[in-house]
PDB file of all heavy atoms in Angstrom:
ATOM      1  N   ALA A   1      14.076  46.087  -7.263  1.00  0.00           N
ATOM      2  CA  ALA A   1      13.508  46.420  -5.956  1.00  0.00           C
ATOM      3  C   ALA A   1      13.655  47.904  -5.639  1.00  0.00           C
ATOM      4  O   ALA A   1      12.798  48.497  -4.979  1.00  0.00           O
ATOM      5  CB  ALA A   1      14.167  45.572  -4.873  1.00  0.00           C
ATOM      6  N   SER A   2      14.742  48.522  -6.109  1.00  0.00           N
ATOM      7  CA  SER A   2      14.939  49.948  -5.832  1.00  0.00           C
ATOM      8  C   SER A   2      13.892  50.788  -6.561  1.00  0.00           C
ATOM      9  O   SER A   2      13.429  51.805  -6.043  1.00  0.00           O
ATOM     10  CB  SER A   2      16.345  50.383  -6.237  1.00  0.00           C
ATOM     11  OG  SER A   2      16.554  50.214  -7.622  1.00  0.00           O
ATOM     12  N   MET A   3      13.495  50.367  -7.767  1.00  0.00           N
ATOM     13  CA  MET A   3      12.431  51.059  -8.487  1.00  0.00           C
ATOM     14  C   MET A   3      11.106  50.925  -7.740  1.00  0.00           C
ATOM     15  O   MET A   3      10.333  51.885  -7.637  1.00  0.00           O
ATOM     16  CB  MET A   3      12.287  50.493  -9.901  1.00  0.00           C
ATOM     17  CG  MET A   3      11.126  51.067 -10.705  1.00  0.00           C
ATOM     18  SD  MET A   3      11.295  52.809 -11.122  1.00  0.00           S
ATOM     19  CE  MET A   3      12.395  52.659 -12.552  1.00  0.00           C
ATOM     20  N   LEU A   4      10.856  49.743  -7.201  1.00  0.00           N
ATOM     21  CA  LEU A   4       9.623  49.525  -6.456  1.00  0.00           C
ATOM     22  C   LEU A   4       9.588  50.380  -5.196  1.00  0.00           C
ATOM     23  O   LEU A   4       8.557  50.957  -4.850  1.00  0.00           O
ATOM     24  CB  LEU A   4       9.482  48.038  -6.104  1.00  0.00           C
ATOM     25  CG  LEU A   4       8.213  47.632  -5.364  1.00  0.00           C
ATOM     26  CD1 LEU A   4       6.962  48.030  -6.132  1.00  0.00           C
ATOM     27  CD2 LEU A   4       8.217  46.136  -5.099  1.00  0.00           C
ATOM     28  N   GLU A   5      10.722  50.481  -4.510  1.00  0.00           N
ATOM     29  CA  GLU A   5      10.775  51.327  -3.317  1.00  0.00           C
ATOM     30  C   GLU A   5      10.546  52.791  -3.688  1.00  0.00           C
ATOM     31  O   GLU A   5       9.855  53.525  -2.963  1.00  0.00           O
ATOM     32  CB  GLU A   5      12.118  51.158  -2.604  1.00  0.00           C
ATOM     33  CG  GLU A   5      12.194  51.909  -1.298  1.00  0.00           C
ATOM     34  CD  GLU A   5      13.453  51.601  -0.497  1.00  0.00           C
ATOM     35  OE1 GLU A   5      14.132  50.593  -0.787  1.00  0.00           O
ATOM     36  OE2 GLU A   5      13.768  52.384   0.429  1.00  0.00           O
ATOM     37  N   ALA A   6      11.115  53.220  -4.824  1.00  0.00           N
ATOM     38  CA  ALA A   6      10.892  54.591  -5.280  1.00  0.00           C
ATOM     39  C   ALA A   6       9.415  54.833  -5.580  1.00  0.00           C
ATOM     40  O   ALA A   6       8.859  55.890  -5.251  1.00  0.00           O
ATOM     41  CB  ALA A   6      11.734  54.870  -6.526  1.00  0.00           C
ATOM     42  N   PHE A   7       8.771  53.841  -6.215  1.00  0.00           N
ATOM     43  CA  PHE A   7       7.325  53.946  -6.428  1.00  0.00           C
ATOM     44  C   PHE A   7       6.595  54.122  -5.103  1.00  0.00           C
ATOM     45  O   PHE A   7       5.691  54.957  -4.983  1.00  0.00           O
ATOM     46  CB  PHE A   7       6.794  52.707  -7.147  1.00  0.00           C
ATOM     47  CG  PHE A   7       5.318  52.488  -6.955  1.00  0.00           C
ATOM     48  CD1 PHE A   7       4.390  53.315  -7.562  1.00  0.00           C
ATOM     49  CD2 PHE A   7       4.852  51.459  -6.139  1.00  0.00           C
ATOM     50  CE1 PHE A   7       3.023  53.126  -7.369  1.00  0.00           C
ATOM     51  CE2 PHE A   7       3.491  51.257  -5.939  1.00  0.00           C
ATOM     52  CZ  PHE A   7       2.576  52.096  -6.557  1.00  0.00           C
ATOM     53  N   GLY A   8       6.960  53.317  -4.106  1.00  0.00           N
ATOM     54  CA  GLY A   8       6.296  53.399  -2.814  1.00  0.00           C
ATOM     55  C   GLY A   8       6.397  54.778  -2.196  1.00  0.00           C
ATOM     56  O   GLY A   8       5.425  55.304  -1.631  1.00  0.00           O
ATOM     57  N   LYS A   9       7.560  55.396  -2.307  1.00  0.00           N
ATOM     58  CA  LYS A   9       7.744  56.740  -1.750  1.00  0.00           C
ATOM     59  C   LYS A   9       6.871  57.752  -2.478  1.00  0.00           C
ATOM     60  O   LYS A   9       6.245  58.626  -1.856  1.00  0.00           O
ATOM     61  CB  LYS A   9       9.218  57.142  -1.846  1.00  0.00           C
ATOM     62  CG  LYS A   9      10.139  56.353  -0.928  1.00  0.00           C
ATOM     63  CD  LYS A   9      11.591  56.757  -1.121  1.00  0.00           C
ATOM     64  CE  LYS A   9      12.496  55.949  -0.197  1.00  0.00           C
ATOM     65  NZ  LYS A   9      13.931  56.271  -0.406  1.00  0.00           N
ATOM     66  N   ILE A  10       6.814  57.634  -3.802  1.00  0.00           N
ATOM     67  CA  ILE A  10       6.002  58.566  -4.582  1.00  0.00           C
ATOM     68  C   ILE A  10       4.516  58.336  -4.319  1.00  0.00           C
ATOM     69  O   ILE A  10       3.754  59.287  -4.098  1.00  0.00           O
ATOM     70  CB  ILE A  10       6.322  58.405  -6.083  1.00  0.00           C
ATOM     71  CG1 ILE A  10       7.720  58.958  -6.369  1.00  0.00           C
ATOM     72  CG2 ILE A  10       5.271  59.087  -6.949  1.00  0.00           C
ATOM     73  CD1 ILE A  10       8.234  58.639  -7.756  1.00  0.00           C
ATOM     74  N   ALA A  11       4.104  57.078  -4.349  1.00  0.00           N
ATOM     75  CA  ALA A  11       2.691  56.773  -4.098  1.00  0.00           C
ATOM     76  C   ALA A  11       2.280  57.221  -2.699  1.00  0.00           C
ATOM     77  O   ALA A  11       1.172  57.729  -2.497  1.00  0.00           O
ATOM     78  CB  ALA A  11       2.440  55.281  -4.274  1.00  0.00           C
ATOM     79  N   ALA A  12       3.175  57.049  -1.714  1.00  0.00           N
ATOM     80  CA  ALA A  12       2.872  57.482  -0.347  1.00  0.00           C
ATOM     81  C   ALA A  12       2.693  58.996  -0.289  1.00  0.00           C
ATOM     82  O   ALA A  12       1.787  59.500   0.388  1.00  0.00           O
ATOM     83  CB  ALA A  12       3.979  57.034   0.603  1.00  0.00           C
ATOM     84  N   ALA A  13       3.553  59.731  -1.000  1.00  0.00           N
ATOM     85  CA  ALA A  13       3.423  61.192  -1.017  1.00  0.00           C
ATOM     86  C   ALA A  13       2.096  61.606  -1.639  1.00  0.00           C
ATOM     87  O   ALA A  13       1.421  62.525  -1.151  1.00  0.00           O
ATOM     88  CB  ALA A  13       4.591  61.803  -1.786  1.00  0.00           C
ATOM     89  N   GLU A  14       1.700  60.915  -2.709  1.00  0.00           N
ATOM     90  CA  GLU A  14       0.427  61.242  -3.353  1.00  0.00           C
ATOM     91  C   GLU A  14      -0.745  60.836  -2.471  1.00  0.00           C
ATOM     92  O   GLU A  14      -1.749  61.556  -2.378  1.00  0.00           O
ATOM     93  CB  GLU A  14       0.361  60.559  -4.725  1.00  0.00           C
ATOM     94  CG  GLU A  14       1.385  61.123  -5.706  1.00  0.00           C
ATOM     95  CD  GLU A  14       1.299  60.530  -7.097  1.00  0.00           C
ATOM     96  OE1 GLU A  14       1.048  59.309  -7.220  1.00  0.00           O
ATOM     97  OE2 GLU A  14       1.486  61.282  -8.073  1.00  0.00           O
ATOM     98  N   TYR A  15      -0.647  59.687  -1.802  1.00  0.00           N
ATOM     99  CA  TYR A  15      -1.698  59.258  -0.872  1.00  0.00           C
ATOM    100  C   TYR A  15      -1.869  60.272   0.254  1.00  0.00           C
ATOM    101  O   TYR A  15      -2.991  60.691   0.577  1.00  0.00           O
ATOM    102  CB  TYR A  15      -1.339  57.894  -0.285  1.00  0.00           C
ATOM    103  CG  TYR A  15      -1.863  56.686  -1.042  1.00  0.00           C
ATOM    104  CD1 TYR A  15      -2.041  56.699  -2.412  1.00  0.00           C
ATOM    105  CD2 TYR A  15      -2.171  55.506  -0.364  1.00  0.00           C
ATOM    106  CE1 TYR A  15      -2.509  55.585  -3.090  1.00  0.00           C
ATOM    107  CE2 TYR A  15      -2.644  54.385  -1.034  1.00  0.00           C
ATOM    108  CZ  TYR A  15      -2.817  54.433  -2.397  1.00  0.00           C
ATOM    109  OH  TYR A  15      -3.284  53.339  -3.060  1.00  0.00           O
ATOM    110  N   ARG A  16      -0.767  60.659   0.883  1.00  0.00           N
ATOM    111  CA  ARG A  16      -0.859  61.577   2.024  1.00  0.00           C
ATOM    112  C   ARG A  16      -1.405  62.929   1.581  1.00  0.00           C
ATOM    113  O   ARG A  16      -2.140  63.587   2.335  1.00  0.00           O
ATOM    114  CB  ARG A  16       0.502  61.755   2.697  1.00  0.00           C
ATOM    115  CG  ARG A  16       1.067  60.560   3.446  1.00  0.00           C
ATOM    116  CD  ARG A  16       0.370  60.138   4.721  1.00  0.00           C
ATOM    117  NE  ARG A  16       0.132  61.070   5.754  1.00  0.00           N
ATOM    118  CZ  ARG A  16       0.320  60.832   7.066  1.00  0.00           C
ATOM    119  NH1 ARG A  16       0.844  59.682   7.480  1.00  0.00           N
ATOM    120  NH2 ARG A  16      -0.004  61.707   7.962  1.00  0.00           N
ATOM    121  N   ALA A  17      -1.071  63.362   0.384  1.00  0.00           N
ATOM    122  CA  ALA A  17      -1.582  64.644  -0.105  1.00  0.00           C
ATOM    123  C   ALA A  17      -3.101  64.634  -0.197  1.00  0.00           C
ATOM    124  O   ALA A  17      -3.762  65.661   0.013  1.00  0.00           O
ATOM    125  CB  ALA A  17      -0.976  64.960  -1.472  1.00  0.00           C
ATOM    126  N   MET A  18      -3.685  63.470  -0.503  1.00  0.00           N
ATOM    127  CA  MET A  18      -5.141  63.350  -0.619  1.00  0.00           C
ATOM    128  C   MET A  18      -5.811  63.034   0.709  1.00  0.00           C
ATOM    129  O   MET A  18      -7.028  63.171   0.834  1.00  0.00           O
ATOM    130  CB  MET A  18      -5.497  62.263  -1.642  1.00  0.00           C
ATOM    131  CG  MET A  18      -5.098  62.598  -3.061  1.00  0.00           C
ATOM    132  SD  MET A  18      -5.577  61.319  -4.269  1.00  0.00           S
ATOM    133  CE  MET A  18      -4.317  60.071  -3.985  1.00  0.00           C
ATOM    134  N   GLY A  19      -5.042  62.548   1.693  1.00  0.00           N
ATOM    135  CA  GLY A  19      -5.606  62.214   2.996  1.00  0.00           C
ATOM    136  C   GLY A  19      -5.638  60.734   3.301  1.00  0.00           C
ATOM    137  O   GLY A  19      -6.190  60.322   4.330  1.00  0.00           O
ATOM    138  N   PHE A  20      -5.043  59.890   2.447  1.00  0.00           N
ATOM    139  CA  PHE A  20      -4.969  58.452   2.711  1.00  0.00           C
ATOM    140  C   PHE A  20      -3.746  58.161   3.575  1.00  0.00           C
ATOM    141  O   PHE A  20      -2.650  58.652   3.308  1.00  0.00           O
ATOM    142  CB  PHE A  20      -4.831  57.653   1.411  1.00  0.00           C
ATOM    143  CG  PHE A  20      -5.930  57.872   0.410  1.00  0.00           C
ATOM    144  CD1 PHE A  20      -5.661  57.827  -0.950  1.00  0.00           C
ATOM    145  CD2 PHE A  20      -7.235  58.112   0.811  1.00  0.00           C
ATOM    146  CE1 PHE A  20      -6.658  58.020  -1.894  1.00  0.00           C
ATOM    147  CE2 PHE A  20      -8.245  58.304  -0.122  1.00  0.00           C
ATOM    148  CZ  PHE A  20      -7.955  58.260  -1.474  1.00  0.00           C
ATOM    149  N   THR A  21      -3.931  57.314   4.580  1.00  0.00           N
ATOM    150  CA  THR A  21      -2.811  56.954   5.448  1.00  0.00           C
ATOM    151  C   THR A  21      -2.576  55.450   5.545  1.00  0.00           C
ATOM    152  O   THR A  21      -1.641  55.014   6.211  1.00  0.00           O
ATOM    153  CB  THR A  21      -3.014  57.518   6.866  1.00  0.00           C
ATOM    154  OG1 THR A  21      -4.282  57.092   7.372  1.00  0.00           O
ATOM    155  CG2 THR A  21      -2.947  59.032   6.858  1.00  0.00           C
ATOM    156  N   THR A  22      -3.428  54.662   4.895  1.00  0.00           N
ATOM    157  CA  THR A  22      -3.252  53.211   4.878  1.00  0.00           C
ATOM    158  C   THR A  22      -3.419  52.703   3.451  1.00  0.00           C
ATOM    159  O   THR A  22      -4.364  53.082   2.766  1.00  0.00           O
ATOM    160  CB  THR A  22      -4.269  52.500   5.792  1.00  0.00           C
ATOM    161  OG1 THR A  22      -4.098  52.950   7.133  1.00  0.00           O
ATOM    162  CG2 THR A  22      -4.066  50.984   5.752  1.00  0.00           C
ATOM    163  N   ALA A  23      -2.481  51.853   3.026  1.00  0.00           N
ATOM    164  CA  ALA A  23      -2.556  51.197   1.714  1.00  0.00           C
ATOM    165  C   ALA A  23      -3.062  49.776   1.923  1.00  0.00           C
ATOM    166  O   ALA A  23      -2.461  49.020   2.697  1.00  0.00           O
ATOM    167  CB  ALA A  23      -1.180  51.180   1.053  1.00  0.00           C
ATOM    168  N   LEU A  24      -4.144  49.424   1.261  1.00  0.00           N
ATOM    169  CA  LEU A  24      -4.662  48.055   1.351  1.00  0.00           C
ATOM    170  C   LEU A  24      -3.899  47.161   0.368  1.00  0.00           C
ATOM    171  O   LEU A  24      -4.471  46.465  -0.459  1.00  0.00           O
ATOM    172  CB  LEU A  24      -6.163  48.030   1.059  1.00  0.00           C
ATOM    173  CG  LEU A  24      -7.027  48.889   1.981  1.00  0.00           C
ATOM    174  CD1 LEU A  24      -8.491  48.799   1.578  1.00  0.00           C
ATOM    175  CD2 LEU A  24      -6.853  48.475   3.433  1.00  0.00           C
ATOM    176  N   HIS A  25      -2.628  47.171   0.461  1.00  0.00           N
ATOM    177  CA  HIS A  25      -1.697  46.473  -0.404  1.00  0.00           C
ATOM    178  C   HIS A  25      -0.319  46.596   0.233  1.00  0.00           C
ATOM    179  O   HIS A  25      -0.140  47.427   1.127  1.00  0.00           O
ATOM    180  CB  HIS A  25      -1.733  47.048  -1.834  1.00  0.00           C
ATOM    181  CG  HIS A  25      -1.841  48.538  -1.959  1.00  0.00           C
ATOM    182  ND1 HIS A  25      -0.773  49.355  -2.250  1.00  0.00           N
ATOM    183  CD2 HIS A  25      -2.906  49.373  -1.822  1.00  0.00           C
ATOM    184  CE1 HIS A  25      -1.164  50.615  -2.296  1.00  0.00           C
ATOM    185  NE2 HIS A  25      -2.450  50.663  -2.020  1.00  0.00           N
ATOM    186  N   PRO A  26       0.655  45.766  -0.156  1.00  0.00           N
ATOM    187  CA  PRO A  26       0.703  44.919  -1.343  1.00  0.00           C
ATOM    188  C   PRO A  26       0.050  43.552  -1.124  1.00  0.00           C
ATOM    189  O   PRO A  26      -0.217  43.143   0.000  1.00  0.00           O
ATOM    190  CB  PRO A  26       2.200  44.729  -1.564  1.00  0.00           C
ATOM    191  CG  PRO A  26       2.748  44.674  -0.162  1.00  0.00           C
ATOM    192  CD  PRO A  26       1.933  45.709   0.590  1.00  0.00           C
ATOM    193  N   MET A  27      -0.172  42.867  -2.256  1.00  0.00           N
ATOM    194  CA  MET A  27      -0.559  41.461  -2.232  1.00  0.00           C
ATOM    195  C   MET A  27       0.717  40.625  -2.254  1.00  0.00           C
ATOM    196  O   MET A  27       1.496  40.701  -3.199  1.00  0.00           O
ATOM    197  CB  MET A  27      -1.418  41.107  -3.450  1.00  0.00           C
ATOM    198  CG  MET A  27      -2.895  41.334  -3.254  1.00  0.00           C
ATOM    199  SD  MET A  27      -3.861  40.828  -4.708  1.00  0.00           S
ATOM    200  CE  MET A  27      -3.548  39.059  -4.736  1.00  0.00           C
ATOM    201  N   SER A  28       0.911  39.845  -1.216  1.00  0.00           N
ATOM    202  CA  SER A  28       2.103  39.003  -1.135  1.00  0.00           C
ATOM    203  C   SER A  28       1.759  37.530  -1.304  1.00  0.00           C
ATOM    204  O   SER A  28       2.531  36.657  -0.902  1.00  0.00           O
ATOM    205  CB  SER A  28       2.823  39.257   0.197  1.00  0.00           C
ATOM    206  OG  SER A  28       3.323  40.575   0.229  1.00  0.00           O
ATOM    207  N   ASP A  29       0.604  37.269  -1.905  1.00  0.00           N
ATOM    208  CA  ASP A  29       0.223  35.901  -2.249  1.00  0.00           C
ATOM    209  C   ASP A  29       1.131  35.388  -3.364  1.00  0.00           C
ATOM    210  O   ASP A  29       1.656  36.168  -4.165  1.00  0.00           O
ATOM    211  CB  ASP A  29      -1.228  35.859  -2.735  1.00  0.00           C
ATOM    212  CG  ASP A  29      -2.171  36.586  -1.795  1.00  0.00           C
ATOM    213  OD1 ASP A  29      -2.338  37.813  -1.956  1.00  0.00           O
ATOM    214  OD2 ASP A  29      -2.733  35.941  -0.914  1.00  0.00           O
ATOM    215  N   MET A  30       1.275  34.085  -3.440  1.00  0.00           N
ATOM    216  CA  MET A  30       2.116  33.482  -4.460  1.00  0.00           C
ATOM    217  C   MET A  30       1.272  33.024  -5.647  1.00  0.00           C
ATOM    218  O   MET A  30       0.253  32.357  -5.467  1.00  0.00           O
ATOM    219  CB  MET A  30       2.877  32.278  -3.888  1.00  0.00           C
ATOM    220  CG  MET A  30       3.722  32.596  -2.665  1.00  0.00           C
ATOM    221  SD  MET A  30       4.890  33.933  -2.940  1.00  0.00           S
ATOM    222  CE  MET A  30       5.685  33.351  -4.410  1.00  0.00           C
ATOM    223  N   ALA A  31       1.728  33.356  -6.871  1.00  0.00           N
ATOM    224  CA  ALA A  31       1.005  32.991  -8.090  1.00  0.00           C
ATOM    225  C   ALA A  31       1.394  31.576  -8.517  1.00  0.00           C
ATOM    226  O   ALA A  31       1.992  31.369  -9.574  1.00  0.00           O
ATOM    227  CB  ALA A  31       1.310  33.989  -9.196  1.00  0.00           C
ATOM    228  N   THR A  32       1.040  30.611  -7.685  1.00  0.00           N
ATOM    229  CA  THR A  32       1.387  29.222  -7.992  1.00  0.00           C
ATOM    230  C   THR A  32       0.300  28.515  -8.793  1.00  0.00           C
ATOM    231  O   THR A  32       0.553  27.444  -9.347  1.00  0.00           O
ATOM    232  CB  THR A  32       1.628  28.431  -6.690  1.00  0.00           C
ATOM    233  OG1 THR A  32       0.453  28.518  -5.866  1.00  0.00           O
ATOM    234  CG2 THR A  32       2.823  28.976  -5.938  1.00  0.00           C
ATOM    235  N   GLU A  33      -0.891  29.080  -8.836  1.00  0.00           N
ATOM    236  CA  GLU A  33      -2.015  28.495  -9.571  1.00  0.00           C
ATOM    237  C   GLU A  33      -2.363  29.422 -10.735  1.00  0.00           C
ATOM    238  O   GLU A  33      -2.945  30.491 -10.532  1.00  0.00           O
ATOM    239  CB  GLU A  33      -3.211  28.302  -8.647  1.00  0.00           C
ATOM    240  CG  GLU A  33      -4.529  27.974  -9.321  1.00  0.00           C
ATOM    241  CD  GLU A  33      -4.434  26.861 -10.352  1.00  0.00           C
ATOM    242  OE1 GLU A  33      -4.136  25.712  -9.939  1.00  0.00           O
ATOM    243  OE2 GLU A  33      -4.632  27.131 -11.546  1.00  0.00           O
ATOM    244  N   PRO A  34      -1.982  29.058 -11.976  1.00  0.00           N
ATOM    245  CA  PRO A  34      -2.133  29.989 -13.102  1.00  0.00           C
ATOM    246  C   PRO A  34      -3.571  30.381 -13.407  1.00  0.00           C
ATOM    247  O   PRO A  34      -3.811  31.453 -13.977  1.00  0.00           O
ATOM    248  CB  PRO A  34      -1.502  29.229 -14.276  1.00  0.00           C
ATOM    249  CG  PRO A  34      -1.469  27.805 -13.861  1.00  0.00           C
ATOM    250  CD  PRO A  34      -1.329  27.811 -12.373  1.00  0.00           C
ATOM    251  N   ARG A  35      -4.546  29.576 -13.028  1.00  0.00           N
ATOM    252  CA  ARG A  35      -5.940  29.899 -13.334  1.00  0.00           C
ATOM    253  C   ARG A  35      -6.532  30.941 -12.391  1.00  0.00           C
ATOM    254  O   ARG A  35      -7.580  31.524 -12.683  1.00  0.00           O
ATOM    255  CB  ARG A  35      -6.789  28.619 -13.284  1.00  0.00           C
ATOM    256  CG  ARG A  35      -6.458  27.626 -14.382  1.00  0.00           C
ATOM    257  CD  ARG A  35      -7.091  26.272 -14.141  1.00  0.00           C
ATOM    258  NE  ARG A  35      -6.487  25.576 -12.998  1.00  0.00           N
ATOM    259  CZ  ARG A  35      -6.777  24.341 -12.632  1.00  0.00           C
ATOM    260  NH1 ARG A  35      -7.681  23.648 -13.312  1.00  0.00           N
ATOM    261  NH2 ARG A  35      -6.177  23.786 -11.591  1.00  0.00           N
ATOM    262  N   TRP A  36      -5.897  31.181 -11.269  1.00  0.00           N
ATOM    263  CA  TRP A  36      -6.424  32.098 -10.261  1.00  0.00           C
ATOM    264  C   TRP A  36      -6.477  33.530 -10.817  1.00  0.00           C
ATOM    265  O   TRP A  36      -5.477  34.062 -11.294  1.00  0.00           O
ATOM    266  CB  TRP A  36      -5.546  32.036  -9.015  1.00  0.00           C
ATOM    267  CG  TRP A  36      -6.011  32.863  -7.867  1.00  0.00           C
ATOM    268  CD1 TRP A  36      -7.279  33.013  -7.410  1.00  0.00           C
ATOM    269  CD2 TRP A  36      -5.164  33.646  -6.999  1.00  0.00           C
ATOM    270  NE1 TRP A  36      -7.302  33.846  -6.308  1.00  0.00           N
ATOM    271  CE2 TRP A  36      -6.021  34.246  -6.034  1.00  0.00           C
ATOM    272  CE3 TRP A  36      -3.799  33.894  -6.938  1.00  0.00           C
ATOM    273  CZ2 TRP A  36      -5.531  35.081  -5.034  1.00  0.00           C
ATOM    274  CZ3 TRP A  36      -3.315  34.717  -5.936  1.00  0.00           C
ATOM    275  CH2 TRP A  36      -4.176  35.301  -5.002  1.00  0.00           C
ATOM    276  N   ALA A  37      -7.642  34.170 -10.723  1.00  0.00           N
ATOM    277  CA  ALA A  37      -7.832  35.500 -11.304  1.00  0.00           C
ATOM    278  C   ALA A  37      -6.948  36.551 -10.643  1.00  0.00           C
ATOM    279  O   ALA A  37      -6.545  37.524 -11.286  1.00  0.00           O
ATOM    280  CB  ALA A  37      -9.303  35.904 -11.190  1.00  0.00           C
ATOM    281  N   ARG A  38      -6.625  36.365  -9.371  1.00  0.00           N
ATOM    282  CA  ARG A  38      -5.900  37.408  -8.657  1.00  0.00           C
ATOM    283  C   ARG A  38      -4.384  37.232  -8.687  1.00  0.00           C
ATOM    284  O   ARG A  38      -3.668  37.886  -7.938  1.00  0.00           O
ATOM    285  CB  ARG A  38      -6.408  37.518  -7.222  1.00  0.00           C
ATOM    286  CG  ARG A  38      -7.838  38.028  -7.179  1.00  0.00           C
ATOM    287  CD  ARG A  38      -8.171  38.703  -5.876  1.00  0.00           C
ATOM    288  NE  ARG A  38      -7.560  40.013  -5.746  1.00  0.00           N
ATOM    289  CZ  ARG A  38      -7.628  40.744  -4.638  1.00  0.00           C
ATOM    290  NH1 ARG A  38      -8.265  40.293  -3.582  1.00  0.00           N
ATOM    291  NH2 ARG A  38      -7.052  41.924  -4.581  1.00  0.00           N
ATOM    292  N   ASN A  39      -3.898  36.401  -9.601  1.00  0.00           N
ATOM    293  CA  ASN A  39      -2.476  36.488  -9.926  1.00  0.00           C
ATOM    294  C   ASN A  39      -2.121  37.925 -10.265  1.00  0.00           C
ATOM    295  O   ASN A  39      -0.986  38.364 -10.069  1.00  0.00           O
ATOM    296  CB  ASN A  39      -2.140  35.587 -11.123  1.00  0.00           C
ATOM    297  CG  ASN A  39      -2.043  34.123 -10.737  1.00  0.00           C
ATOM    298  OD1 ASN A  39      -1.652  33.787  -9.636  1.00  0.00           O
ATOM    299  ND2 ASN A  39      -2.427  33.242 -11.655  1.00  0.00           N
ATOM    300  N   PHE A  40      -3.111  38.644 -10.787  1.00  0.00           N
ATOM    301  CA  PHE A  40      -2.969  40.049 -11.190  1.00  0.00           C
ATOM    302  C   PHE A  40      -2.212  40.885 -10.159  1.00  0.00           C
ATOM    303  O   PHE A  40      -1.347  41.677 -10.515  1.00  0.00           O
ATOM    304  CB  PHE A  40      -4.360  40.657 -11.410  1.00  0.00           C
ATOM    305  CG  PHE A  40      -4.351  42.156 -11.495  1.00  0.00           C
ATOM    306  CD1 PHE A  40      -3.984  42.781 -12.668  1.00  0.00           C
ATOM    307  CD2 PHE A  40      -4.684  42.933 -10.399  1.00  0.00           C
ATOM    308  CE1 PHE A  40      -3.950  44.170 -12.749  1.00  0.00           C
ATOM    309  CE2 PHE A  40      -4.652  44.311 -10.476  1.00  0.00           C
ATOM    310  CZ  PHE A  40      -4.284  44.923 -11.658  1.00  0.00           C
ATOM    311  N   GLY A  41      -2.542  40.740  -8.892  1.00  0.00           N
ATOM    312  CA  GLY A  41      -2.006  41.658  -7.893  1.00  0.00           C
ATOM    313  C   GLY A  41      -0.788  41.168  -7.164  1.00  0.00           C
ATOM    314  O   GLY A  41      -0.344  41.808  -6.215  1.00  0.00           O
TER     315      GLY A  41
END
C-alpha cells in the first residue's frame, strides 16, 4: 500500500504539471467474475 500511495503522489504531481485536477480512477470494483473484461482495472 505504501508503494501505491507513493505512485499516487507522483502521478498527482505529473497530472497537476499538465493541468489535470481530477483522476477518473481508481476502480474499486471487485473482480469476482473472472470473465469480466474490466477485471483489468
